[in-house]
Amino acid sequence: MIPVCRLQDLPEGASVRIDTTPPIAVFHADGELFAVDDTCTHQDASLSDGWLEGASVECPLHAASFDLRTGMPLCLPARRALRTHQVTVDDGMVVVRVAADVCQVAEEGSAA
């Protein structure tokens, strides 16, 4: 599990990138918290720099959109889904439980 930031530091409509391998983006969107692999499956672009609309994110490079709840692409040019990760809030701290086969933290602890 990776501590990300205090919930109060991630307002609605904001995102934060976790420097893991691969990177993970955490979004506060549509009244919920979501975590997905940060790199667009179409081409190498950071989704944490993308645009949120409801529970979806649009890639800033070629406008591929993904459902943050499922990771599924909503339109071309993306064809592959993003990996999703579990997000919880523990005593006011946003915490990501990374899919078991996914990543290593780039630096000890967390990045925000």
PDB file of N, CA and C in Angstrom:
ATOM      1  N   MET A   1       0.847  -1.179   0.000  1.00  0.00           N
ATOM      2  CA  MET A   1       0.000   0.000   0.000  1.00  0.00           C
ATOM      3  C   MET A   1       0.892   1.241   0.000  1.00  0.00           C
ATOM      4  N   ILE A   2       0.462   2.241  -0.760  1.00  0.00           N
ATOM      5  CA  ILE A   2       1.261   3.457  -0.910  1.00  0.00           C
ATOM      6  C   ILE A   2       0.470   4.657  -0.401  1.00  0.00           C
ATOM      7  N   PRO A   3       0.958   5.346   0.643  1.00  0.00           N
ATOM      8  CA  PRO A   3       0.321   6.596   1.053  1.00  0.00           C
ATOM      9  C   PRO A   3       0.597   7.658  -0.012  1.00  0.00           C
ATOM     10  N   VAL A   4      -0.454   8.375  -0.402  1.00  0.00           N
ATOM     11  CA  VAL A   4      -0.339   9.329  -1.507  1.00  0.00           C
ATOM     12  C   VAL A   4      -0.282  10.763  -1.004  1.00  0.00           C
ATOM     13  N   CYS A   5      -1.330  11.185  -0.299  1.00  0.00           N
ATOM     14  CA  CYS A   5      -1.412  12.547   0.220  1.00  0.00           C
ATOM     15  C   CYS A   5      -2.605  12.618   1.160  1.00  0.00           C
ATOM     16  N   ARG A   6      -2.746  13.718   1.846  1.00  0.00           N
ATOM     17  CA  ARG A   6      -3.930  13.938   2.677  1.00  0.00           C
ATOM     18  C   ARG A   6      -5.110  14.196   1.736  1.00  0.00           C
ATOM     19  N   LEU A   7      -6.269  13.712   2.097  1.00  0.00           N
ATOM     20  CA  LEU A   7      -7.459  13.922   1.274  1.00  0.00           C
ATOM     21  C   LEU A   7      -7.713  15.409   1.061  1.00  0.00           C
ATOM     22  N   GLN A   8      -7.481  16.210   2.070  1.00  0.00           N
ATOM     23  CA  GLN A   8      -7.706  17.658   1.952  1.00  0.00           C
ATOM     24  C   GLN A   8      -6.769  18.310   0.938  1.00  0.00           C
ATOM     25  N   ASP A   9      -5.670  17.637   0.600  1.00  0.00           N
ATOM     26  CA  ASP A   9      -4.718  18.167  -0.382  1.00  0.00           C
ATOM     27  C   ASP A   9      -5.004  17.703  -1.808  1.00  0.00           C
ATOM     28  N   LEU A  10      -6.095  16.940  -1.979  1.00  0.00           N
ATOM     29  CA  LEU A  10      -6.489  16.462  -3.307  1.00  0.00           C
ATOM     30  C   LEU A  10      -7.951  16.859  -3.535  1.00  0.00           C
ATOM     31  N   PRO A  11      -8.188  18.122  -3.882  1.00  0.00           N
ATOM     32  CA  PRO A  11      -9.569  18.602  -4.034  1.00  0.00           C
ATOM     33  C   PRO A  11     -10.263  17.966  -5.237  1.00  0.00           C
ATOM     34  N   GLU A  12     -11.563  18.037  -5.240  1.00  0.00           N
ATOM     35  CA  GLU A  12     -12.376  17.554  -6.368  1.00  0.00           C
ATOM     36  C   GLU A  12     -11.838  18.161  -7.661  1.00  0.00           C
ATOM     37  N   GLY A  13     -11.659  17.311  -8.673  1.00  0.00           N
ATOM     38  CA  GLY A  13     -11.166  17.765  -9.968  1.00  0.00           C
ATOM     39  C   GLY A  13      -9.656  17.747 -10.095  1.00  0.00           C
ATOM     40  N   ALA A  14      -8.957  17.330  -9.039  1.00  0.00           N
ATOM     41  CA  ALA A  14      -7.492  17.317  -9.059  1.00  0.00           C
ATOM     42  C   ALA A  14      -6.957  15.894  -9.238  1.00  0.00           C
ATOM     43  N   SER A  15      -5.683  15.823  -9.579  1.00  0.00           N
ATOM     44  CA  SER A  15      -5.011  14.529  -9.707  1.00  0.00           C
ATOM     45  C   SER A  15      -3.603  14.650  -9.168  1.00  0.00           C
ATOM     46  N   VAL A  16      -3.013  13.506  -8.872  1.00  0.00           N
ATOM     47  CA  VAL A  16      -1.628  13.452  -8.424  1.00  0.00           C
ATOM     48  C   VAL A  16      -0.988  12.210  -9.041  1.00  0.00           C
ATOM     49  N   ARG A  17       0.261  12.341  -9.407  1.00  0.00           N
ATOM     50  CA  ARG A  17       1.016  11.228 -10.002  1.00  0.00           C
ATOM     51  C   ARG A  17       1.909  10.618  -8.924  1.00  0.00           C
ATOM     52  N   ILE A  18       1.912   9.294  -8.849  1.00  0.00           N
ATOM     53  CA  ILE A  18       2.792   8.577  -7.929  1.00  0.00           C
ATOM     54  C   ILE A  18       3.945   8.026  -8.757  1.00  0.00           C
ATOM     55  N   ASP A  19       5.147   8.318  -8.339  1.00  0.00           N
ATOM     56  CA  ASP A  19       6.328   7.879  -9.080  1.00  0.00           C
ATOM     57  C   ASP A  19       6.677   6.434  -8.737  1.00  0.00           C
ATOM     58  N   THR A  20       5.900   5.528  -9.300  1.00  0.00           N
ATOM     59  CA  THR A  20       6.133   4.102  -9.183  1.00  0.00           C
ATOM     60  C   THR A  20       6.540   3.604 -10.561  1.00  0.00           C
ATOM     61  N   THR A  21       6.816   2.328 -10.675  1.00  0.00           N
ATOM     62  CA  THR A  21       7.131   1.749 -11.972  1.00  0.00           C
ATOM     63  C   THR A  21       6.120   0.655 -12.254  1.00  0.00           C
ATOM     64  N   PRO A  22       5.142   0.863 -13.130  1.00  0.00           N
ATOM     65  CA  PRO A  22       4.858   2.091 -13.878  1.00  0.00           C
ATOM     66  C   PRO A  22       4.195   3.137 -12.991  1.00  0.00           C
ATOM     67  N   PRO A  23       4.203   4.408 -13.429  1.00  0.00           N
ATOM     68  CA  PRO A  23       3.562   5.472 -12.644  1.00  0.00           C
ATOM     69  C   PRO A  23       2.061   5.244 -12.524  1.00  0.00           C
ATOM     70  N   ILE A  24       1.495   5.746 -11.430  1.00  0.00           N
ATOM     71  CA  ILE A  24       0.058   5.644 -11.164  1.00  0.00           C
ATOM     72  C   ILE A  24      -0.485   7.049 -10.978  1.00  0.00           C
ATOM     73  N   ALA A  25      -1.688   7.302 -11.490  1.00  0.00           N
ATOM     74  CA  ALA A  25      -2.366   8.583 -11.296  1.00  0.00           C
ATOM     75  C   ALA A  25      -3.555   8.362 -10.370  1.00  0.00           C
ATOM     76  N   VAL A  26      -3.706   9.262  -9.414  1.00  0.00           N
ATOM     77  CA  VAL A  26      -4.846   9.236  -8.502  1.00  0.00           C
ATOM     78  C   VAL A  26      -5.685  10.465  -8.800  1.00  0.00           C
ATOM     79  N   PHE A  27      -6.981  10.241  -9.000  1.00  0.00           N
ATOM     80  CA  PHE A  27      -7.904  11.313  -9.357  1.00  0.00           C
ATOM     81  C   PHE A  27      -8.987  11.447  -8.292  1.00  0.00           C
ATOM     82  N   HIS A  28      -9.372  12.681  -8.003  1.00  0.00           N
ATOM     83  CA  HIS A  28     -10.549  12.958  -7.188  1.00  0.00           C
ATOM     84  C   HIS A  28     -11.577  13.526  -8.153  1.00  0.00           C
ATOM     85  N   ALA A  29     -12.469  12.666  -8.607  1.00  0.00           N
ATOM     86  CA  ALA A  29     -13.403  13.055  -9.676  1.00  0.00           C
ATOM     87  C   ALA A  29     -14.780  12.487  -9.406  1.00  0.00           C
ATOM     88  N   ASP A  30     -15.779  13.253  -9.751  1.00  0.00           N
ATOM     89  CA  ASP A  30     -17.161  12.798  -9.642  1.00  0.00           C
ATOM     90  C   ASP A  30     -17.483  12.334  -8.220  1.00  0.00           C
ATOM     91  N   GLY A  31     -16.859  12.995  -7.236  1.00  0.00           N
ATOM     92  CA  GLY A  31     -17.116  12.686  -5.833  1.00  0.00           C
ATOM     93  C   GLY A  31     -16.441  11.422  -5.320  1.00  0.00           C
ATOM     94  N   GLU A  32     -15.555  10.823  -6.101  1.00  0.00           N
ATOM     95  CA  GLU A  32     -14.872   9.599  -5.701  1.00  0.00           C
ATOM     96  C   GLU A  32     -13.377   9.710  -5.964  1.00  0.00           C
ATOM     97  N   LEU A  33     -12.639   8.749  -5.430  1.00  0.00           N
ATOM     98  CA  LEU A  33     -11.213   8.647  -5.689  1.00  0.00           C
ATOM     99  C   LEU A  33     -10.959   7.450  -6.598  1.00  0.00           C
ATOM    100  N   PHE A  34     -10.088   7.640  -7.578  1.00  0.00           N
ATOM    101  CA  PHE A  34      -9.756   6.594  -8.543  1.00  0.00           C
ATOM    102  C   PHE A  34      -8.251   6.546  -8.711  1.00  0.00           C
ATOM    103  N   ALA A  35      -7.724   5.349  -8.985  1.00  0.00           N
ATOM    104  CA  ALA A  35      -6.297   5.205  -9.301  1.00  0.00           C
ATOM    105  C   ALA A  35      -6.166   4.295 -10.509  1.00  0.00           C
ATOM    106  N   VAL A  36      -5.402   4.755 -11.487  1.00  0.00           N
ATOM    107  CA  VAL A  36      -5.152   3.990 -12.713  1.00  0.00           C
ATOM    108  C   VAL A  36      -3.689   4.156 -13.083  1.00  0.00           C
ATOM    109  N   ASP A  37      -3.186   3.253 -13.936  1.00  0.00           N
ATOM    110  CA  ASP A  37      -1.846   3.475 -14.476  1.00  0.00           C
ATOM    111  C   ASP A  37      -1.851   4.831 -15.164  1.00  0.00           C
ATOM    112  N   ASP A  38      -0.803   5.612 -14.953  1.00  0.00           N
ATOM    113  CA  ASP A  38      -0.778   6.998 -15.422  1.00  0.00           C
ATOM    114  C   ASP A  38      -0.509   7.145 -16.912  1.00  0.00           C
ATOM    115  N   THR A  39       0.028   6.137 -17.565  1.00  0.00           N
ATOM    116  CA  THR A  39       0.415   6.270 -18.961  1.00  0.00           C
ATOM    117  C   THR A  39      -0.699   5.811 -19.889  1.00  0.00           C
ATOM    118  N   CYS A  40      -1.079   6.674 -20.820  1.00  0.00           N
ATOM    119  CA  CYS A  40      -2.099   6.345 -21.814  1.00  0.00           C
ATOM    120  C   CYS A  40      -1.687   5.077 -22.561  1.00  0.00           C
ATOM    121  N   THR A  41      -2.640   4.187 -22.806  1.00  0.00           N
ATOM    122  CA  THR A  41      -2.333   2.940 -23.514  1.00  0.00           C
ATOM    123  C   THR A  41      -2.164   3.144 -25.005  1.00  0.00           C
ATOM    124  N   HIS A  42      -2.506   4.304 -25.523  1.00  0.00           N
ATOM    125  CA  HIS A  42      -2.324   4.593 -26.945  1.00  0.00           C
ATOM    126  C   HIS A  42      -0.900   5.027 -27.232  1.00  0.00           C
ATOM    127  N   GLN A  43      -0.410   5.980 -26.431  1.00  0.00           N
ATOM    128  CA  GLN A  43       0.934   6.503 -26.629  1.00  0.00           C
ATOM    129  C   GLN A  43       1.423   7.066 -25.308  1.00  0.00           C
ATOM    130  N   ASP A  44       2.689   7.227 -25.150  1.00  0.00           N
ATOM    131  CA  ASP A  44       3.310   7.624 -23.891  1.00  0.00           C
ATOM    132  C   ASP A  44       2.952   9.052 -23.507  1.00  0.00           C
ATOM    133  N   ALA A  45       1.871   9.195 -22.743  1.00  0.00           N
ATOM    134  CA  ALA A  45       1.448  10.498 -22.241  1.00  0.00           C
ATOM    135  C   ALA A  45       0.909  10.314 -20.828  1.00  0.00           C
ATOM    136  N   SER A  46       1.148  11.289 -19.973  1.00  0.00           N
ATOM    137  CA  SER A  46       0.717  11.227 -18.579  1.00  0.00           C
ATOM    138  C   SER A  46      -0.757  11.627 -18.461  1.00  0.00           C
ATOM    139  N   LEU A  47      -1.576  10.700 -17.985  1.00  0.00           N
ATOM    140  CA  LEU A  47      -3.005  10.986 -17.821  1.00  0.00           C
ATOM    141  C   LEU A  47      -3.269  11.937 -16.655  1.00  0.00           C
ATOM    142  N   SER A  48      -2.344  12.017 -15.705  1.00  0.00           N
ATOM    143  CA  SER A  48      -2.541  12.966 -14.608  1.00  0.00           C
ATOM    144  C   SER A  48      -2.492  14.405 -15.114  1.00  0.00           C
ATOM    145  N   ASP A  49      -1.982  14.608 -16.333  1.00  0.00           N
ATOM    146  CA  ASP A  49      -1.994  15.924 -16.978  1.00  0.00           C
ATOM    147  C   ASP A  49      -3.221  16.108 -17.867  1.00  0.00           C
ATOM    148  N   GLY A  50      -4.091  15.108 -17.900  1.00  0.00           N
ATOM    149  CA  GLY A  50      -5.269  15.142 -18.773  1.00  0.00           C
ATOM    150  C   GLY A  50      -6.418  15.943 -18.178  1.00  0.00           C
ATOM    151  N   TRP A  51      -7.561  15.866 -18.854  1.00  0.00           N
ATOM    152  CA  TRP A  51      -8.750  16.620 -18.461  1.00  0.00           C
ATOM    153  C   TRP A  51      -9.798  15.670 -17.922  1.00  0.00           C
ATOM    154  N   LEU A  52     -10.369  16.044 -16.768  1.00  0.00           N
ATOM    155  CA  LEU A  52     -11.416  15.236 -16.136  1.00  0.00           C
ATOM    156  C   LEU A  52     -12.785  15.722 -16.567  1.00  0.00           C
ATOM    157  N   GLU A  53     -13.668  14.760 -16.795  1.00  0.00           N
ATOM    158  CA  GLU A  53     -15.076  15.065 -17.023  1.00  0.00           C
ATOM    159  C   GLU A  53     -15.858  13.934 -16.385  1.00  0.00           C
ATOM    160  N   GLY A  54     -16.513  14.247 -15.271  1.00  0.00           N
ATOM    161  CA  GLY A  54     -17.184  13.192 -14.517  1.00  0.00           C
ATOM    162  C   GLY A  54     -16.158  12.175 -14.065  1.00  0.00           C
ATOM    163  N   ALA A  55     -16.439  10.894 -14.332  1.00  0.00           N
ATOM    164  CA  ALA A  55     -15.529   9.818 -13.935  1.00  0.00           C
ATOM    165  C   ALA A  55     -14.689   9.343 -15.113  1.00  0.00           C
ATOM    166  N   SER A  56     -14.329  10.278 -16.000  1.00  0.00           N
ATOM    167  CA  SER A  56     -13.458   9.914 -17.121  1.00  0.00           C
ATOM    168  C   SER A  56     -12.324  10.928 -17.234  1.00  0.00           C
ATOM    169  N   VAL A  57     -11.234  10.467 -17.868  1.00  0.00           N
ATOM    170  CA  VAL A  57     -10.084  11.339 -18.095  1.00  0.00           C
ATOM    171  C   VAL A  57      -9.747  11.288 -19.579  1.00  0.00           C
ATOM    172  N   GLU A  58      -9.416  12.461 -20.109  1.00  0.00           N
ATOM    173  CA  GLU A  58      -9.017  12.572 -21.513  1.00  0.00           C
ATOM    174  C   GLU A  58      -7.514  12.783 -21.580  1.00  0.00           C
ATOM    175  N   CYS A  59      -6.852  11.985 -22.381  1.00  0.00           N
ATOM    176  CA  CYS A  59      -5.408  12.081 -22.560  1.00  0.00           C
ATOM    177  C   CYS A  59      -5.056  13.424 -23.202  1.00  0.00           C
ATOM    178  N   PRO A  60      -4.023  14.099 -22.692  1.00  0.00           N
ATOM    179  CA  PRO A  60      -3.669  15.399 -23.255  1.00  0.00           C
ATOM    180  C   PRO A  60      -2.973  15.318 -24.613  1.00  0.00           C
ATOM    181  N   LEU A  61      -2.574  14.128 -25.048  1.00  0.00           N
ATOM    182  CA  LEU A  61      -1.819  14.014 -26.289  1.00  0.00           C
ATOM    183  C   LEU A  61      -2.713  13.834 -27.517  1.00  0.00           C
ATOM    184  N   HIS A  62      -3.567  12.817 -27.507  1.00  0.00           N
ATOM    185  CA  HIS A  62      -4.414  12.539 -28.681  1.00  0.00           C
ATOM    186  C   HIS A  62      -5.889  12.410 -28.358  1.00  0.00           C
ATOM    187  N   ALA A  63      -6.317  12.853 -27.170  1.00  0.00           N
ATOM    188  CA  ALA A  63      -7.724  12.921 -26.767  1.00  0.00           C
ATOM    189  C   ALA A  63      -8.401  11.573 -26.566  1.00  0.00           C
ATOM    190  N   ALA A  64      -7.638  10.500 -26.364  1.00  0.00           N
ATOM    191  CA  ALA A  64      -8.254   9.235 -25.964  1.00  0.00           C
ATOM    192  C   ALA A  64      -8.849   9.433 -24.572  1.00  0.00           C
ATOM    193  N   SER A  65     -10.014   8.851 -24.321  1.00  0.00           N
ATOM    194  CA  SER A  65     -10.659   8.978 -23.014  1.00  0.00           C
ATOM    195  C   SER A  65     -10.807   7.610 -22.372  1.00  0.00           C
ATOM    196  N   PHE A  66     -10.753   7.596 -21.034  1.00  0.00           N
ATOM    197  CA  PHE A  66     -10.860   6.363 -20.268  1.00  0.00           C
ATOM    198  C   PHE A  66     -11.845   6.536 -19.128  1.00  0.00           C
ATOM    199  N   ASP A  67     -12.596   5.480 -18.839  1.00  0.00           N
ATOM    200  CA  ASP A  67     -13.476   5.438 -17.678  1.00  0.00           C
ATOM    201  C   ASP A  67     -12.597   5.153 -16.468  1.00  0.00           C
ATOM    202  N   LEU A  68     -12.571   6.038 -15.495  1.00  0.00           N
ATOM    203  CA  LEU A  68     -11.722   5.861 -14.328  1.00  0.00           C
ATOM    204  C   LEU A  68     -12.206   4.737 -13.423  1.00  0.00           C
ATOM    205  N   ARG A  69     -13.483   4.380 -13.523  1.00  0.00           N
ATOM    206  CA  ARG A  69     -14.013   3.294 -12.689  1.00  0.00           C
ATOM    207  C   ARG A  69     -13.518   1.935 -13.152  1.00  0.00           C
ATOM    208  N   THR A  70     -13.383   1.760 -14.465  1.00  0.00           N
ATOM    209  CA  THR A  70     -13.057   0.447 -15.026  1.00  0.00           C
ATOM    210  C   THR A  70     -11.724   0.415 -15.772  1.00  0.00           C
ATOM    211  N   GLY A  71     -11.226   1.591 -16.156  1.00  0.00           N
ATOM    212  CA  GLY A  71     -10.015   1.677 -16.963  1.00  0.00           C
ATOM    213  C   GLY A  71     -10.269   1.490 -18.451  1.00  0.00           C
ATOM    214  N   MET A  72     -11.501   1.192 -18.835  1.00  0.00           N
ATOM    215  CA  MET A  72     -11.825   0.921 -20.238  1.00  0.00           C
ATOM    216  C   MET A  72     -11.746   2.195 -21.084  1.00  0.00           C
ATOM    217  N   PRO A  73     -11.209   2.065 -22.307  1.00  0.00           N
ATOM    218  CA  PRO A  73     -11.187   3.221 -23.207  1.00  0.00           C
ATOM    219  C   PRO A  73     -12.611   3.560 -23.647  1.00  0.00           C
ATOM    220  N   LEU A  74     -12.886   4.841 -23.771  1.00  0.00           N
ATOM    221  CA  LEU A  74     -14.210   5.304 -24.177  1.00  0.00           C
ATOM    222  C   LEU A  74     -14.250   5.714 -25.641  1.00  0.00           C
ATOM    223  N   CYS A  75     -13.074   5.915 -26.232  1.00  0.00           N
ATOM    224  CA  CYS A  75     -13.018   6.299 -27.637  1.00  0.00           C
ATOM    225  C   CYS A  75     -11.619   6.026 -28.187  1.00  0.00           C
ATOM    226  N   LEU A  76     -11.532   6.024 -29.489  1.00  0.00           N
ATOM    227  CA  LEU A  76     -10.236   5.889 -30.152  1.00  0.00           C
ATOM    228  C   LEU A  76      -9.452   7.185 -29.953  1.00  0.00           C
ATOM    229  N   PRO A  77      -8.153   7.161 -29.996  1.00  0.00           N
ATOM    230  CA  PRO A  77      -7.327   6.105 -30.549  1.00  0.00           C
ATOM    231  C   PRO A  77      -6.953   4.996 -29.565  1.00  0.00           C
ATOM    232  N   ALA A  78      -7.306   5.118 -28.284  1.00  0.00           N
ATOM    233  CA  ALA A  78      -6.960   4.061 -27.322  1.00  0.00           C
ATOM    234  C   ALA A  78      -7.822   2.828 -27.560  1.00  0.00           C
ATOM    235  N   ARG A  79      -7.201   1.668 -27.465  1.00  0.00           N
ATOM    236  CA  ARG A  79      -7.912   0.403 -27.631  1.00  0.00           C
ATOM    237  C   ARG A  79      -7.769  -0.506 -26.420  1.00  0.00           C
ATOM    238  N   ARG A  80      -6.712  -0.307 -25.640  1.00  0.00           N
ATOM    239  CA  ARG A  80      -6.468  -1.149 -24.467  1.00  0.00           C
ATOM    240  C   ARG A  80      -6.854  -0.416 -23.191  1.00  0.00           C
ATOM    241  N   ALA A  81      -7.349  -1.181 -22.232  1.00  0.00           N
ATOM    242  CA  ALA A  81      -7.759  -0.618 -20.944  1.00  0.00           C
ATOM    243  C   ALA A  81      -6.555  -0.275 -20.082  1.00  0.00           C
ATOM    244  N   LEU A  82      -6.764   0.645 -19.170  1.00  0.00           N
ATOM    245  CA  LEU A  82      -5.787   0.962 -18.139  1.00  0.00           C
ATOM    246  C   LEU A  82      -5.965  -0.008 -16.987  1.00  0.00           C
ATOM    247  N   ARG A  83      -4.897  -0.299 -16.282  1.00  0.00           N
ATOM    248  CA  ARG A  83      -4.999  -1.091 -15.059  1.00  0.00           C
ATOM    249  C   ARG A  83      -5.528  -0.171 -13.963  1.00  0.00           C
ATOM    250  N   THR A  84      -6.475  -0.633 -13.193  1.00  0.00           N
ATOM    251  CA  THR A  84      -7.025   0.144 -12.083  1.00  0.00           C
ATOM    252  C   THR A  84      -6.465  -0.386 -10.765  1.00  0.00           C
ATOM    253  N   HIS A  85      -6.465   0.483  -9.765  1.00  0.00           N
ATOM    254  CA  HIS A  85      -5.934   0.141  -8.445  1.00  0.00           C
ATOM    255  C   HIS A  85      -6.935   0.590  -7.389  1.00  0.00           C
ATOM    256  N   GLN A  86      -6.933  -0.074  -6.260  1.00  0.00           N
ATOM    257  CA  GLN A  86      -7.856   0.254  -5.172  1.00  0.00           C
ATOM    258  C   GLN A  86      -7.374   1.488  -4.423  1.00  0.00           C
ATOM    259  N   VAL A  87      -8.308   2.391  -4.123  1.00  0.00           N
ATOM    260  CA  VAL A  87      -7.992   3.597  -3.360  1.00  0.00           C
ATOM    261  C   VAL A  87      -8.863   3.622  -2.112  1.00  0.00           C
ATOM    262  N   THR A  88      -8.248   3.906  -0.965  1.00  0.00           N
ATOM    263  CA  THR A  88      -8.994   4.061   0.277  1.00  0.00           C
ATOM    264  C   THR A  88      -8.497   5.325   0.978  1.00  0.00           C
ATOM    265  N   VAL A  89      -9.254   5.742   1.977  1.00  0.00           N
ATOM    266  CA  VAL A  89      -8.834   6.852   2.827  1.00  0.00           C
ATOM    267  C   VAL A  89      -8.721   6.295   4.241  1.00  0.00           C
ATOM    268  N   ASP A  90      -7.539   6.404   4.813  1.00  0.00           N
ATOM    269  CA  ASP A  90      -7.264   5.891   6.148  1.00  0.00           C
ATOM    270  C   ASP A  90      -6.839   7.049   7.035  1.00  0.00           C
ATOM    271  N   ASP A  91      -7.701   7.424   7.969  1.00  0.00           N
ATOM    272  CA  ASP A  91      -7.415   8.528   8.884  1.00  0.00           C
ATOM    273  C   ASP A  91      -7.036   9.806   8.128  1.00  0.00           C
ATOM    274  N   GLY A  92      -7.770  10.089   7.043  1.00  0.00           N
ATOM    275  CA  GLY A  92      -7.554  11.304   6.271  1.00  0.00           C
ATOM    276  C   GLY A  92      -6.465  11.203   5.218  1.00  0.00           C
ATOM    277  N   MET A  93      -5.773  10.054   5.134  1.00  0.00           N
ATOM    278  CA  MET A  93      -4.699   9.858   4.167  1.00  0.00           C
ATOM    279  C   MET A  93      -5.203   9.006   3.005  1.00  0.00           C
ATOM    280  N   VAL A  94      -4.992   9.491   1.771  1.00  0.00           N
ATOM    281  CA  VAL A  94      -5.333   8.720   0.579  1.00  0.00           C
ATOM    282  C   VAL A  94      -4.267   7.644   0.410  1.00  0.00           C
ATOM    283  N   VAL A  95      -4.715   6.401   0.259  1.00  0.00           N
ATOM    284  CA  VAL A  95      -3.805   5.263   0.165  1.00  0.00           C
ATOM    285  C   VAL A  95      -4.183   4.442  -1.060  1.00  0.00           C
ATOM    286  N   VAL A  96      -3.190   4.024  -1.838  1.00  0.00           N
ATOM    287  CA  VAL A  96      -3.425   3.188  -3.014  1.00  0.00           C
ATOM    288  C   VAL A  96      -2.896   1.789  -2.742  1.00  0.00           C
ATOM    289  N   ARG A  97      -3.738   0.802  -3.008  1.00  0.00           N
ATOM    290  CA  ARG A  97      -3.308  -0.594  -2.969  1.00  0.00           C
ATOM    291  C   ARG A  97      -3.054  -0.988  -4.415  1.00  0.00           C
ATOM    292  N   VAL A  98      -1.804  -1.160  -4.736  1.00  0.00           N
ATOM    293  CA  VAL A  98      -1.384  -1.411  -6.109  1.00  0.00           C
ATOM    294  C   VAL A  98      -1.684  -2.860  -6.483  1.00  0.00           C
ATOM    295  N   ALA A  99      -2.138  -3.058  -7.725  1.00  0.00           N
ATOM    296  CA  ALA A  99      -2.351  -4.411  -8.228  1.00  0.00           C
ATOM    297  C   ALA A  99      -1.064  -5.199  -8.013  1.00  0.00           C
ATOM    298  N   ALA A 100      -1.171  -6.415  -7.507  1.00  0.00           N
ATOM    299  CA  ALA A 100      -0.031  -7.206  -7.034  1.00  0.00           C
ATOM    300  C   ALA A 100       1.089  -7.371  -8.058  1.00  0.00           C
ATOM    301  N   ASP A 101       0.771  -7.479  -9.312  1.00  0.00           N
ATOM    302  CA  ASP A 101       1.786  -7.759 -10.325  1.00  0.00           C
ATOM    303  C   ASP A 101       2.341  -6.505 -10.986  1.00  0.00           C
ATOM    304  N   VAL A 102       2.102  -5.340 -10.399  1.00  0.00           N
ATOM    305  CA  VAL A 102       2.374  -4.115 -11.134  1.00  0.00           C
ATOM    306  C   VAL A 102       3.705  -3.452 -10.870  1.00  0.00           C
ATOM    307  N   CYS A 103       3.957  -2.976  -9.675  1.00  0.00           N
ATOM    308  CA  CYS A 103       5.010  -1.968  -9.617  1.00  0.00           C
ATOM    309  C   CYS A 103       5.871  -2.012  -8.381  1.00  0.00           C
ATOM    310  N   GLN A 104       6.851  -1.160  -8.440  1.00  0.00           N
ATOM    311  CA  GLN A 104       7.739  -0.902  -7.324  1.00  0.00           C
ATOM    312  C   GLN A 104       7.756   0.613  -7.129  1.00  0.00           C
ATOM    313  N   VAL A 105       7.873   1.053  -5.904  1.00  0.00           N
ATOM    314  CA  VAL A 105       7.954   2.489  -5.633  1.00  0.00           C
ATOM    315  C   VAL A 105       9.338   2.964  -6.067  1.00  0.00           C
ATOM    316  N   ALA A 106       9.362   4.037  -6.820  1.00  0.00           N
ATOM    317  CA  ALA A 106      10.634   4.561  -7.349  1.00  0.00           C
ATOM    318  C   ALA A 106      11.544   5.029  -6.227  1.00  0.00           C
ATOM    319  N   GLU A 107      10.957   5.638  -5.215  1.00  0.00           N
ATOM    320  CA  GLU A 107      11.717   6.056  -4.052  1.00  0.00           C
ATOM    321  C   GLU A 107      11.021   5.466  -2.840  1.00  0.00           C
ATOM    322  N   GLU A 108      11.758   5.260  -1.774  1.00  0.00           N
ATOM    323  CA  GLU A 108      11.173   4.729  -0.545  1.00  0.00           C
ATOM    324  C   GLU A 108      10.032   5.633  -0.109  1.00  0.00           C
ATOM    325  N   GLY A 109       8.880   5.030   0.227  1.00  0.00           N
ATOM    326  CA  GLY A 109       7.729   5.816   0.664  1.00  0.00           C
ATOM    327  C   GLY A 109       6.845   6.199  -0.486  1.00  0.00           C
ATOM    328  N   SER A 110       6.459   7.478  -0.538  1.00  0.00           N
ATOM    329  CA  SER A 110       5.508   7.915  -1.560  1.00  0.00           C
ATOM    330  C   SER A 110       5.972   9.198  -2.226  1.00  0.00           C
ATOM    331  N   ALA A 111       5.292   9.512  -3.311  1.00  0.00           N
ATOM    332  CA  ALA A 111       5.520  10.780  -4.008  1.00  0.00           C
ATOM    333  C   ALA A 111       4.178  11.453  -4.174  1.00  0.00           C
ATOM    334  N   ALA A 112       4.166  12.746  -4.193  1.00  0.00           N
ATOM    335  CA  ALA A 112       2.891  13.442  -4.342  1.00  0.00           C
ATOM    336  C   ALA A 112       2.976  14.514  -5.365  1.00  0.00           C
TER     337      ALA A 112
END
